[in-house]
Amino acid sequence: MLDRVAVVLDSSLSFAAEHFDDVIIEAEPLLDEHWREIAVHKDVPLKPSYLFYRKMDKIGALKIFTARHGGKLIGYAVFVVRPRHGHYDFAWAINDIVWVKPEFRHHGVGSALVAFWDAELARLGVQFVSVNSKVAHPALHGLLEKCGYATIEIGHQKRLS
């Protein structure tokens, strides 16, 4: 496993801000893998609205940060950047999804991706970043705390049908 760490943390690892249409074809198989891993309601199919993402990207509100190894997509973090209705003078980045392929976890990729999105969002003038993590998958929660994020809310959900 030490060889894997050396490979993952060498110069073949890169991070970028990308546009939806430039990454979606490559991201689709990862989205399926991501969904199978973390979905709470596996009977509800993943069916994202590409129209929504394209519109948000077109107006500059969608921010997609990618992690690549040897040019191949291995992770992503997607945010919608906007003022919040109760705090309209501040720019907020609200996460949509965050995921790194399992074989690249615990090698610094997640920490580096968080540092990259923090720097990029700060450069864009974002003052607050909100990221959700699933209780059943605590790794993201631990990573966020390690990177200086605080738990400020606990969400609840109830399925009605």
Protein backbone atom coordinates (compact mmCIF):
# COMPACT_ATOMS: atom_id res chain seq x y z
CA MET A 1 0.00 0.00 0.00
CA LEU A 2 2.92 2.39 0.50
CA ASP A 3 3.60 2.38 -3.24
CA ARG A 4 -0.01 3.50 -3.79
CA VAL A 5 0.50 6.46 -1.45
CA ALA A 6 3.60 7.53 -3.36
CA VAL A 7 1.71 7.31 -6.65
CA VAL A 8 -1.37 9.14 -5.39
CA LEU A 9 0.57 11.99 -3.82
CA ASP A 10 2.99 12.57 -6.72
CA SER A 11 2.67 15.05 -9.57
CA SER A 12 0.06 12.91 -11.36
CA LEU A 13 -2.56 14.20 -8.89
CA SER A 14 -4.27 17.40 -9.98
CA PHE A 15 -7.23 19.55 -8.98
CA ALA A 16 -9.26 21.91 -11.13
CA ALA A 17 -12.42 23.95 -11.36
CA GLU A 18 -14.36 22.60 -14.33
CA HIS A 19 -17.60 23.30 -16.15
CA PHE A 20 -20.51 20.89 -16.14
CA ASP A 21 -20.42 19.99 -19.84
CA ASP A 22 -16.64 19.43 -19.69
CA VAL A 23 -16.88 16.83 -16.93
CA ILE A 24 -20.33 15.19 -17.00
CA ILE A 25 -19.61 12.38 -19.48
CA GLU A 26 -16.61 11.26 -17.44
CA ALA A 27 -18.50 11.78 -14.16
CA GLU A 28 -21.58 9.71 -15.04
CA PRO A 29 -20.09 6.28 -14.18
CA LEU A 30 -18.68 7.73 -10.94
CA LEU A 31 -22.09 9.16 -10.04
CA ASP A 32 -23.57 5.69 -10.36
CA GLU A 33 -20.84 4.21 -8.15
CA HIS A 34 -21.28 7.10 -5.69
CA TRP A 35 -25.05 6.54 -5.56
CA ARG A 36 -24.71 2.79 -4.96
CA GLU A 37 -22.35 3.48 -2.06
CA ILE A 38 -24.15 6.23 -0.17
CA ALA A 39 -27.84 6.28 -1.17
CA VAL A 40 -30.15 6.15 1.82
CA HIS A 41 -33.19 5.19 -0.29
CA LYS A 42 -31.72 2.82 -2.85
CA ASP A 43 -35.17 2.24 -4.36
CA VAL A 44 -35.26 5.90 -5.48
CA PRO A 45 -33.27 6.07 -8.71
CA LEU A 46 -30.62 8.69 -9.28
CA LYS A 47 -31.96 10.97 -12.01
CA PRO A 48 -30.19 14.35 -11.91
CA SER A 49 -31.57 17.29 -13.86
CA TYR A 50 -28.80 18.13 -16.30
CA LEU A 51 -30.87 21.15 -17.36
CA PHE A 52 -30.66 22.51 -13.80
CA TYR A 53 -26.88 22.00 -13.65
CA ARG A 54 -26.34 23.57 -17.08
CA LYS A 55 -28.45 26.61 -16.14
CA MET A 56 -26.61 27.06 -12.85
CA ASP A 57 -23.27 26.68 -14.63
CA LYS A 58 -24.29 29.21 -17.30
CA ILE A 59 -25.09 31.88 -14.69
CA GLY A 60 -21.89 31.14 -12.76
CA ALA A 61 -23.60 29.68 -9.70
CA LEU A 62 -22.36 26.09 -10.16
CA LYS A 63 -18.83 25.31 -9.02
CA ILE A 64 -17.40 21.89 -9.79
CA PHE A 65 -14.02 20.99 -8.31
CA THR A 66 -12.37 17.85 -9.59
CA ALA A 67 -9.59 15.57 -8.44
CA ARG A 68 -7.71 13.72 -11.18
CA HIS A 69 -5.01 11.10 -11.09
CA GLY A 70 -3.04 10.82 -14.30
CA GLY A 71 -5.74 12.92 -15.95
CA LYS A 72 -8.51 10.50 -14.96
CA LEU A 73 -11.40 11.76 -12.80
CA ILE A 74 -11.22 10.22 -9.31
CA GLY A 75 -13.31 12.64 -7.26
CA TYR A 76 -15.44 15.73 -7.28
CA ALA A 77 -17.11 18.34 -5.14
CA VAL A 78 -20.08 20.28 -6.52
CA PHE A 79 -21.41 23.47 -4.96
CA VAL A 80 -24.07 26.04 -5.69
CA VAL A 81 -22.81 29.52 -4.82
CA ARG A 82 -25.38 32.14 -3.94
CA PRO A 83 -26.51 34.51 -1.23
CA ARG A 84 -28.84 32.92 1.32
CA HIS A 85 -32.27 34.43 1.78
CA GLY A 86 -31.66 35.20 5.47
CA HIS A 87 -28.11 36.49 4.98
CA TYR A 88 -28.25 38.18 1.60
CA ASP A 89 -25.07 40.24 2.01
CA PHE A 90 -22.89 37.13 2.16
CA ALA A 91 -21.95 34.59 -0.49
CA TRP A 92 -22.53 30.98 0.52
CA ALA A 93 -21.37 27.79 -1.15
CA ILE A 94 -23.83 24.99 -0.48
CA ASN A 95 -22.63 21.52 -1.37
CA ASP A 96 -24.52 19.29 -3.72
CA ILE A 97 -22.21 16.27 -3.74
CA VAL A 98 -18.71 15.34 -2.60
CA TRP A 99 -17.04 12.04 -3.40
CA VAL A 100 -13.65 10.43 -3.94
CA LYS A 101 -13.25 6.93 -5.40
CA PRO A 102 -12.71 4.47 -2.52
CA GLU A 103 -9.27 3.32 -3.67
CA PHE A 104 -7.99 6.92 -3.42
CA ARG A 105 -9.26 7.56 0.11
CA HIS A 106 -6.91 7.73 3.13
CA HIS A 107 -4.02 8.96 0.97
CA GLY A 108 -4.51 12.72 1.28
CA VAL A 109 -6.70 13.14 -1.81
CA GLY A 110 -9.78 14.20 0.18
CA SER A 111 -7.84 16.68 2.31
CA ALA A 112 -6.21 18.14 -0.79
CA LEU A 113 -9.60 18.43 -2.53
CA VAL A 114 -11.07 20.26 0.49
CA ALA A 115 -8.07 22.62 0.59
CA PHE A 116 -8.48 23.26 -3.15
CA TRP A 117 -12.19 24.03 -2.98
CA ASP A 118 -11.69 26.22 0.12
CA ALA A 119 -9.02 28.27 -1.69
CA GLU A 120 -11.04 28.56 -4.88
CA LEU A 121 -14.26 29.51 -3.11
CA ALA A 122 -12.42 32.11 -0.99
CA ARG A 123 -10.87 33.52 -4.17
CA LEU A 124 -14.40 33.88 -5.56
CA GLY A 125 -15.49 35.85 -2.49
CA VAL A 126 -17.44 33.11 -0.73
CA GLN A 127 -17.62 33.72 3.03
CA PHE A 128 -19.38 30.52 4.15
CA VAL A 129 -19.21 26.92 2.94
CA SER A 130 -21.82 24.35 3.98
CA VAL A 131 -21.20 20.67 3.36
CA ASN A 132 -23.55 17.84 4.32
CA SER A 133 -22.36 14.37 5.24
CA LYS A 134 -24.40 11.22 5.74
CA VAL A 135 -24.58 9.66 9.21
CA ALA A 136 -24.22 6.18 7.68
CA HIS A 137 -20.98 7.26 5.97
CA PRO A 138 -18.97 9.11 8.63
CA ALA A 139 -15.69 9.38 6.70
CA LEU A 140 -16.63 12.70 5.09
CA HIS A 141 -17.68 14.09 8.48
CA GLY A 142 -14.27 13.17 9.94
CA LEU A 143 -12.43 14.62 6.96
CA LEU A 144 -14.33 17.90 7.19
CA GLU A 145 -13.60 18.24 10.92
CA LYS A 146 -9.92 17.51 10.24
CA CYS A 147 -9.99 20.33 7.65
CA GLY A 148 -11.45 22.86 10.10
CA TYR A 149 -15.18 22.50 9.44
CA ALA A 150 -17.50 22.52 12.47
CA THR A 151 -20.74 20.60 12.90
CA ILE A 152 -23.37 23.33 13.18
CA GLU A 153 -26.61 21.55 12.35
CA ILE A 154 -28.07 18.08 12.45
CA GLY A 155 -30.54 17.30 9.69
CA HIS A 156 -33.53 15.03 9.95
CA GLN A 157 -35.51 13.24 7.28
CA LYS A 158 -38.77 11.34 7.17
CA ARG A 159 -39.99 9.38 4.20
CA LEU A 160 -43.71 9.91 3.60
CA SER A 161 -44.28 7.53 0.70
